[in-house]
Amino acid sequence: FSGAGVDLWAAQCNYALARVYRETGHIARAAETLQEARRTFRRYPILGLRADAFLDTAVLALRTGDLQRALDYLDEAEPLYSRLQVHYLVAMCNVYRGETYAELDRYQLALHYLELAHTRLRELDVPDRVAEAALRLGETWLWLQRPATALAYLQEAAAYYEDAGHT
């Protein structure tokens, strides 16, 4: 696609390839390939592709411990999803934002974003993602040494994971 001058198709291929690299543990290659895709997506008014690339870059940054960068990319992705009214992905941005703040030991913000996500994902009836939000809430309450609250969220997560068919 690149050779034929079809930049957007090439960027979509890079975006998909970056996910493969991330899932197979080739983190540096994933980051490089995502950067190429983002560069192209910025030139076109296709907000969904741009938001997806920002979100994936944020998750990659979170998983590699580049927490401020994760927040920066979430700050770019979330408004685009809001503008497109993709409520599920707005909620997922909040899950990742909450997880990032928890990693930064900013628990009040972590709980705020995780609770926002938890509520919205329940409204949207996405059981596996409600489970993810509940799991992160449970972990955060554990870090705050509130085992009873943590247990309630962890039990909820387990129930949602079971309902969603996850073992």
Protein backbone atom coordinates (compact mmCIF):
# COMPACT_ATOMS: atom_id res chain seq x y z
CA PHE A 1 0.00 0.00 0.00
CA SER A 2 2.84 2.37 0.78
CA GLY A 3 4.37 1.83 -2.65
CA ALA A 4 1.02 2.54 -4.30
CA GLY A 5 0.57 5.79 -2.38
CA VAL A 6 -2.39 4.51 -0.38
CA ASP A 7 -1.19 5.93 2.92
CA LEU A 8 -4.32 5.33 4.93
CA TRP A 9 -4.41 1.63 4.06
CA ALA A 10 -0.72 1.33 4.89
CA ALA A 11 -1.35 3.02 8.24
CA GLN A 12 -4.18 0.62 9.02
CA CYS A 13 -1.87 -2.29 8.27
CA ASN A 14 0.78 -0.77 10.55
CA TYR A 15 -1.81 -0.30 13.26
CA ALA A 16 -2.84 -3.97 13.08
CA LEU A 17 0.78 -5.06 12.89
CA ALA A 18 1.59 -3.03 16.01
CA ARG A 19 -1.06 -4.97 17.92
CA VAL A 20 0.50 -8.24 16.79
CA TYR A 21 3.93 -7.01 17.86
CA ARG A 22 2.55 -5.96 21.26
CA GLU A 23 0.82 -9.29 21.83
CA THR A 24 3.93 -11.25 20.87
CA GLY A 25 6.22 -9.24 23.14
CA HIS A 26 8.01 -7.14 20.52
CA ILE A 27 7.35 -3.93 22.42
CA ALA A 28 9.91 -1.66 20.74
CA ARG A 29 8.72 -2.73 17.30
CA ALA A 30 5.09 -2.23 18.38
CA ALA A 31 5.84 1.32 19.56
CA GLU A 32 7.67 2.16 16.36
CA THR A 33 4.92 0.78 14.13
CA LEU A 34 2.19 2.54 16.13
CA GLN A 35 4.09 5.80 15.78
CA GLU A 36 4.10 5.39 11.98
CA ALA A 37 0.35 4.73 11.99
CA ARG A 38 -0.38 7.70 14.28
CA ARG A 39 1.65 9.99 12.04
CA THR A 40 -0.54 9.07 9.07
CA PHE A 41 -3.82 9.12 11.02
CA ARG A 42 -3.10 12.69 12.15
CA ARG A 43 -3.14 13.81 8.51
CA TYR A 44 -6.65 12.54 7.84
CA PRO A 45 -9.96 13.57 9.42
CA ILE A 46 -10.84 10.01 10.46
CA LEU A 47 -11.22 10.50 14.17
CA GLY A 48 -11.96 6.88 15.07
CA LEU A 49 -8.71 5.55 13.64
CA ARG A 50 -6.79 8.34 15.31
CA ALA A 51 -8.48 7.67 18.67
CA ASP A 52 -7.83 3.93 18.39
CA ALA A 53 -4.14 4.52 17.73
CA PHE A 54 -3.92 6.90 20.69
CA LEU A 55 -5.65 4.40 22.96
CA ASP A 56 -3.40 1.53 21.89
CA THR A 57 -0.35 3.72 22.40
CA ALA A 58 -1.62 4.64 25.86
CA VAL A 59 -2.07 0.97 26.78
CA LEU A 60 1.39 0.16 25.45
CA ALA A 61 2.87 3.03 27.49
CA LEU A 62 1.00 1.87 30.60
CA ARG A 63 2.24 -1.71 30.19
CA THR A 64 5.83 -0.53 29.79
CA GLY A 65 5.70 1.85 32.77
CA ASP A 66 5.72 5.10 30.80
CA LEU A 67 2.84 6.40 32.89
CA GLN A 68 2.84 10.10 32.01
CA ARG A 69 2.91 9.20 28.33
CA ALA A 70 -0.04 6.86 28.90
CA LEU A 71 -2.01 9.75 30.42
CA ASP A 72 -1.03 12.05 27.56
CA TYR A 73 -2.34 9.61 24.94
CA LEU A 74 -5.50 8.96 26.93
CA ASP A 75 -5.99 12.74 26.96
CA GLU A 76 -5.94 12.62 23.17
CA ALA A 77 -8.09 9.51 22.71
CA GLU A 78 -10.93 10.20 25.12
CA PRO A 79 -12.16 13.51 23.64
CA LEU A 80 -12.20 11.94 20.18
CA TYR A 81 -14.28 9.00 21.41
CA SER A 82 -16.58 11.45 23.22
CA ARG A 83 -16.99 13.48 20.05
CA LEU A 84 -17.83 10.28 18.16
CA GLN A 85 -20.15 9.17 20.98
CA VAL A 86 -18.35 5.85 21.39
CA HIS A 87 -19.31 5.53 25.05
CA TYR A 88 -17.75 2.10 25.53
CA LEU A 89 -14.30 3.36 24.56
CA VAL A 90 -14.68 6.52 26.65
CA ALA A 91 -15.29 4.19 29.59
CA MET A 92 -12.26 2.09 28.65
CA CYS A 93 -10.13 5.23 28.58
CA ASN A 94 -11.30 5.79 32.16
CA VAL A 95 -10.35 2.22 33.13
CA TYR A 96 -6.84 2.75 31.80
CA ARG A 97 -6.63 6.23 33.28
CA GLY A 98 -7.64 4.82 36.67
CA GLU A 99 -5.10 2.03 36.36
CA THR A 100 -2.40 4.56 35.45
CA TYR A 101 -3.21 6.83 38.39
CA ALA A 102 -3.13 3.82 40.71
CA GLU A 103 0.35 2.97 39.41
CA LEU A 104 1.33 6.58 40.17
CA ASP A 105 0.00 6.16 43.75
CA ARG A 106 -2.66 8.78 43.07
CA TYR A 107 -5.44 6.67 44.49
CA GLN A 108 -8.16 9.31 44.76
CA LEU A 109 -7.94 9.96 41.01
CA ALA A 110 -7.64 6.24 40.32
CA LEU A 111 -10.84 5.50 42.22
CA HIS A 112 -12.64 8.40 40.57
CA TYR A 113 -11.92 7.22 37.02
CA LEU A 114 -12.41 3.54 37.80
CA GLU A 115 -15.78 4.22 39.41
CA LEU A 116 -16.84 6.33 36.42
CA ALA A 117 -15.86 3.50 34.10
CA HIS A 118 -17.47 0.84 36.28
CA THR A 119 -20.80 2.67 36.33
CA ARG A 120 -20.78 3.38 32.60
CA LEU A 121 -19.77 -0.14 31.61
CA ARG A 122 -22.58 -1.56 33.77
CA GLU A 123 -25.02 0.78 32.02
CA LEU A 124 -23.69 -0.37 28.66
CA ASP A 125 -23.96 -4.01 29.79
CA VAL A 126 -20.43 -5.11 28.86
CA PRO A 127 -19.82 -7.86 31.45
CA ASP A 128 -16.18 -8.65 30.72
CA ARG A 129 -15.23 -4.97 30.88
CA VAL A 130 -17.32 -4.39 34.02
CA ALA A 131 -15.26 -7.24 35.47
CA GLU A 132 -12.06 -5.49 34.44
CA ALA A 133 -13.14 -2.23 36.07
CA ALA A 134 -14.22 -4.10 39.24
CA LEU A 135 -10.90 -5.95 39.31
CA ARG A 136 -8.96 -2.68 39.09
CA LEU A 137 -11.17 -1.14 41.80
CA GLY A 138 -10.50 -4.16 44.02
CA GLU A 139 -6.76 -3.88 43.46
CA THR A 140 -6.82 -0.17 44.26
CA TRP A 141 -8.77 -0.71 47.48
CA LEU A 142 -6.27 -3.43 48.43
CA TRP A 143 -3.42 -0.95 47.97
CA LEU A 144 -5.33 1.38 50.28
CA GLN A 145 -5.55 -1.45 52.83
CA ARG A 146 -9.35 -1.68 52.67
CA PRO A 147 -9.76 -5.45 52.30
CA ALA A 148 -13.54 -5.58 52.82
CA THR A 149 -14.20 -3.09 50.02
CA ALA A 150 -11.59 -4.77 47.85
CA LEU A 151 -13.16 -8.18 48.42
CA ALA A 152 -16.59 -6.93 47.35
CA TYR A 153 -15.20 -5.61 44.06
CA LEU A 154 -13.08 -8.71 43.47
CA GLN A 155 -16.09 -10.96 44.04
CA GLU A 156 -18.09 -8.83 41.62
CA ALA A 157 -15.28 -9.11 39.07
CA ALA A 158 -15.22 -12.88 39.43
CA ALA A 159 -18.99 -13.09 38.96
CA TYR A 160 -18.89 -10.90 35.84
CA TYR A 161 -15.99 -12.87 34.40
CA GLU A 162 -17.94 -16.10 34.96
CA ASP A 163 -21.07 -14.58 33.38
CA ALA A 164 -19.00 -13.53 30.38
CA GLY A 165 -17.69 -17.08 30.01
CA HIS A 166 -14.13 -16.37 31.10
CA THR A 167 -12.44 -19.05 33.13
